[in-house]
Amino acid sequence: MFDLIVRAVEWARFLLFPLDLFPVPEPPVRTDPWRRPWTSPTQEEAQAILRAREEAARGKRKLYYLPPGVFLPLTGARR
């Protein structure tokens, strides 16, 4: 019985207050300013993007411990 009452109230609300009268605002699309085709980023945005990229790259770097006497091969050396 409670179910029917709730359903009747929902229908009354829907008929009395149509949803078209109250449009739901859409949130602005958050895109990378470098990828926005219609504008280029402001100087502050560009600096913030570059700073974020540098911090992300710094976080990915790994430090390795090499004991004394252990050497890495040189990448440019050829035999």
N, C-alpha and C. Protein backbone atom coordinates (compact mmCIF):
# COMPACT_ATOMS: atom_id res chain seq x y z
N MET A 1 0.82 -1.20 0.00
CA MET A 1 0.00 0.00 0.00
C MET A 1 0.87 1.27 0.00
N PHE A 2 1.92 1.22 0.82
CA PHE A 2 2.85 2.35 0.87
C PHE A 2 3.48 2.59 -0.50
N ASP A 3 3.77 1.48 -1.19
CA ASP A 3 4.34 1.56 -2.54
C ASP A 3 3.42 2.35 -3.48
N LEU A 4 2.13 2.08 -3.42
CA LEU A 4 1.18 2.77 -4.29
C LEU A 4 1.11 4.26 -3.98
N ILE A 5 1.19 4.59 -2.70
CA ILE A 5 1.14 6.00 -2.30
C ILE A 5 2.38 6.73 -2.84
N VAL A 6 3.53 6.10 -2.67
CA VAL A 6 4.78 6.71 -3.15
C VAL A 6 4.71 6.90 -4.66
N ARG A 7 4.23 5.89 -5.37
CA ARG A 7 4.14 5.98 -6.82
C ARG A 7 3.16 7.07 -7.24
N ALA A 8 2.03 7.20 -6.53
CA ALA A 8 1.05 8.26 -6.84
C ALA A 8 1.65 9.64 -6.61
N VAL A 9 2.42 9.79 -5.53
CA VAL A 9 3.06 11.07 -5.25
C VAL A 9 4.08 11.40 -6.33
N GLU A 10 4.84 10.39 -6.77
CA GLU A 10 5.83 10.62 -7.83
C GLU A 10 5.15 11.07 -9.12
N TRP A 11 4.03 10.42 -9.48
CA TRP A 11 3.30 10.81 -10.70
C TRP A 11 2.74 12.22 -10.56
N ALA A 12 2.19 12.55 -9.40
CA ALA A 12 1.65 13.89 -9.20
C ALA A 12 2.75 14.94 -9.32
N ARG A 13 3.91 14.64 -8.73
CA ARG A 13 5.04 15.55 -8.83
C ARG A 13 5.48 15.73 -10.27
N PHE A 14 5.50 14.61 -11.00
CA PHE A 14 5.93 14.65 -12.40
C PHE A 14 4.97 15.47 -13.25
N LEU A 15 3.64 15.32 -12.98
CA LEU A 15 2.66 16.03 -13.78
C LEU A 15 2.56 17.51 -13.40
N LEU A 16 2.74 17.81 -12.12
CA LEU A 16 2.63 19.20 -11.67
C LEU A 16 3.90 20.00 -11.95
N PHE A 17 5.05 19.36 -11.82
CA PHE A 17 6.33 20.04 -12.00
C PHE A 17 7.13 19.32 -13.07
N PRO A 18 6.89 19.62 -14.35
CA PRO A 18 7.66 18.94 -15.39
C PRO A 18 9.14 19.28 -15.27
N LEU A 19 9.95 18.33 -15.61
CA LEU A 19 11.39 18.51 -15.47
C LEU A 19 11.95 19.51 -16.48
N ASP A 20 11.21 19.77 -17.57
CA ASP A 20 11.71 20.70 -18.57
C ASP A 20 11.76 22.13 -18.06
N LEU A 21 10.97 22.43 -17.03
CA LEU A 21 10.97 23.79 -16.50
C LEU A 21 12.25 24.10 -15.73
N PHE A 22 12.90 23.07 -15.21
CA PHE A 22 14.12 23.26 -14.43
C PHE A 22 15.28 22.55 -15.12
N PRO A 23 15.93 23.19 -16.08
CA PRO A 23 17.03 22.51 -16.77
C PRO A 23 18.21 22.28 -15.82
N VAL A 24 18.79 21.14 -15.93
CA VAL A 24 19.94 20.80 -15.11
C VAL A 24 21.18 21.38 -15.77
N PRO A 25 21.93 22.22 -15.07
CA PRO A 25 23.13 22.78 -15.70
C PRO A 25 24.18 21.70 -15.93
N GLU A 26 24.77 21.73 -17.11
CA GLU A 26 25.82 20.75 -17.42
C GLU A 26 27.15 21.30 -16.95
N PRO A 27 27.95 20.47 -16.33
CA PRO A 27 29.25 20.96 -15.87
C PRO A 27 30.15 21.27 -17.07
N PRO A 28 31.03 22.25 -16.94
CA PRO A 28 31.93 22.55 -18.06
C PRO A 28 32.89 21.40 -18.29
N VAL A 29 33.24 21.20 -19.53
CA VAL A 29 34.12 20.10 -19.90
C VAL A 29 35.54 20.48 -19.53
N ARG A 30 36.17 19.63 -18.72
CA ARG A 30 37.56 19.89 -18.33
C ARG A 30 38.47 19.21 -19.34
N THR A 31 39.13 20.01 -20.15
CA THR A 31 40.06 19.46 -21.14
C THR A 31 41.42 20.10 -20.95
N ASP A 32 42.41 19.44 -21.45
CA ASP A 32 43.75 19.97 -21.41
C ASP A 32 43.79 21.20 -22.32
N PRO A 33 44.20 22.37 -21.81
CA PRO A 33 44.20 23.57 -22.66
C PRO A 33 45.07 23.44 -23.90
N TRP A 34 46.09 22.55 -23.87
CA TRP A 34 46.92 22.36 -25.06
C TRP A 34 46.13 21.68 -26.16
N ARG A 35 45.12 20.91 -25.80
CA ARG A 35 44.35 20.15 -26.79
C ARG A 35 43.07 20.87 -27.20
N ARG A 36 42.81 22.03 -26.61
CA ARG A 36 41.63 22.79 -27.02
C ARG A 36 41.89 23.40 -28.38
N PRO A 37 41.11 23.07 -29.39
CA PRO A 37 41.40 23.61 -30.72
C PRO A 37 41.04 25.08 -30.86
N TRP A 38 40.14 25.59 -30.02
CA TRP A 38 39.65 26.95 -30.25
C TRP A 38 40.41 28.01 -29.47
N THR A 39 41.19 27.61 -28.45
CA THR A 39 41.96 28.61 -27.71
C THR A 39 43.32 28.03 -27.38
N SER A 40 44.24 28.90 -27.12
CA SER A 40 45.53 28.46 -26.59
C SER A 40 45.55 28.81 -25.11
N PRO A 41 46.33 28.07 -24.31
CA PRO A 41 46.31 28.32 -22.86
C PRO A 41 46.91 29.68 -22.51
N THR A 42 46.45 30.22 -21.41
CA THR A 42 47.07 31.45 -20.91
C THR A 42 48.45 31.10 -20.37
N GLN A 43 49.22 32.13 -20.08
CA GLN A 43 50.58 31.89 -19.60
C GLN A 43 50.55 31.13 -18.27
N GLU A 44 49.62 31.48 -17.39
CA GLU A 44 49.54 30.79 -16.10
C GLU A 44 49.16 29.32 -16.30
N GLU A 45 48.20 29.09 -17.21
CA GLU A 45 47.80 27.70 -17.49
C GLU A 45 48.97 26.91 -18.06
N ALA A 46 49.71 27.53 -18.98
CA ALA A 46 50.83 26.83 -19.61
C ALA A 46 51.89 26.49 -18.56
N GLN A 47 52.19 27.44 -17.68
CA GLN A 47 53.19 27.17 -16.64
C GLN A 47 52.71 26.07 -15.70
N ALA A 48 51.42 26.08 -15.35
CA ALA A 48 50.89 25.04 -14.47
C ALA A 48 50.95 23.67 -15.15
N ILE A 49 50.67 23.62 -16.45
CA ILE A 49 50.72 22.35 -17.17
C ILE A 49 52.15 21.82 -17.20
N LEU A 50 53.10 22.69 -17.55
CA LEU A 50 54.49 22.25 -17.62
C LEU A 50 54.99 21.82 -16.24
N ARG A 51 54.60 22.55 -15.19
CA ARG A 51 55.01 22.18 -13.83
C ARG A 51 54.44 20.82 -13.45
N ALA A 52 53.18 20.57 -13.80
CA ALA A 52 52.56 19.28 -13.49
C ALA A 52 53.23 18.15 -14.25
N ARG A 53 53.59 18.41 -15.51
CA ARG A 53 54.28 17.37 -16.29
C ARG A 53 55.65 17.06 -15.71
N GLU A 54 56.38 18.12 -15.29
CA GLU A 54 57.69 17.89 -14.69
C GLU A 54 57.58 17.09 -13.40
N GLU A 55 56.59 17.42 -12.58
CA GLU A 55 56.41 16.69 -11.32
C GLU A 55 56.03 15.24 -11.58
N ALA A 56 55.21 14.99 -12.61
CA ALA A 56 54.84 13.62 -12.95
C ALA A 56 56.05 12.85 -13.44
N ALA A 57 56.89 13.50 -14.25
CA ALA A 57 58.09 12.82 -14.75
C ALA A 57 59.07 12.57 -13.61
N ARG A 58 59.16 13.52 -12.67
CA ARG A 58 60.07 13.34 -11.54
C ARG A 58 59.61 12.18 -10.67
N GLY A 59 58.33 11.99 -10.55
CA GLY A 59 57.81 10.88 -9.74
C GLY A 59 58.05 9.53 -10.36
N LYS A 60 58.22 9.48 -11.68
CA LYS A 60 58.43 8.21 -12.36
C LYS A 60 59.90 7.78 -12.35
N ARG A 61 60.80 8.72 -12.09
CA ARG A 61 62.22 8.36 -12.08
C ARG A 61 62.52 7.41 -10.93
N LYS A 62 63.37 6.44 -11.21
CA LYS A 62 63.77 5.50 -10.17
C LYS A 62 65.25 5.67 -9.87
N LEU A 63 65.57 5.57 -8.61
CA LEU A 63 66.97 5.63 -8.20
C LEU A 63 67.42 4.22 -7.86
N TYR A 64 68.56 3.85 -8.39
CA TYR A 64 69.10 2.52 -8.14
C TYR A 64 70.39 2.66 -7.36
N TYR A 65 70.62 1.74 -6.46
CA TYR A 65 71.86 1.71 -5.70
C TYR A 65 72.82 0.74 -6.37
N LEU A 66 74.00 1.23 -6.71
CA LEU A 66 75.04 0.37 -7.28
C LEU A 66 76.16 0.27 -6.26
N PRO A 67 76.47 -0.93 -5.84
CA PRO A 67 77.59 -1.07 -4.90
C PRO A 67 78.90 -0.70 -5.58
N PRO A 68 79.91 -0.37 -4.79
CA PRO A 68 81.20 0.01 -5.39
C PRO A 68 81.76 -1.14 -6.24
N GLY A 69 82.33 -0.78 -7.39
CA GLY A 69 82.90 -1.78 -8.28
C GLY A 69 81.94 -2.28 -9.33
N VAL A 70 80.67 -1.93 -9.25
CA VAL A 70 79.68 -2.33 -10.26
C VAL A 70 79.47 -1.15 -11.20
N PHE A 71 79.62 -1.40 -12.49
CA PHE A 71 79.50 -0.33 -13.48
C PHE A 71 78.42 -0.68 -14.49
N LEU A 72 77.72 0.32 -14.94
CA LEU A 72 76.73 0.12 -15.99
C LEU A 72 77.42 0.25 -17.35
N PRO A 73 76.97 -0.52 -18.33
CA PRO A 73 77.57 -0.36 -19.66
C PRO A 73 77.19 0.99 -20.25
N LEU A 74 78.10 1.56 -21.02
CA LEU A 74 77.82 2.83 -21.68
C LEU A 74 76.90 2.57 -22.86
N THR A 75 75.87 3.36 -23.01
CA THR A 75 74.89 3.10 -24.07
C THR A 75 75.46 3.40 -25.45
N GLY A 76 76.36 4.36 -25.57
CA GLY A 76 76.89 4.71 -26.89
C GLY A 76 78.09 3.89 -27.30
N ALA A 77 78.61 3.03 -26.41
CA ALA A 77 79.83 2.27 -26.72
C ALA A 77 79.51 1.13 -27.67
N ARG A 78 80.35 0.97 -28.69
CA ARG A 78 80.20 -0.15 -29.63
C ARG A 78 81.49 -0.95 -29.66
N ARG A 79 81.33 -2.24 -29.88
CA ARG A 79 82.53 -3.09 -29.91
C ARG A 79 83.00 -3.30 -31.33
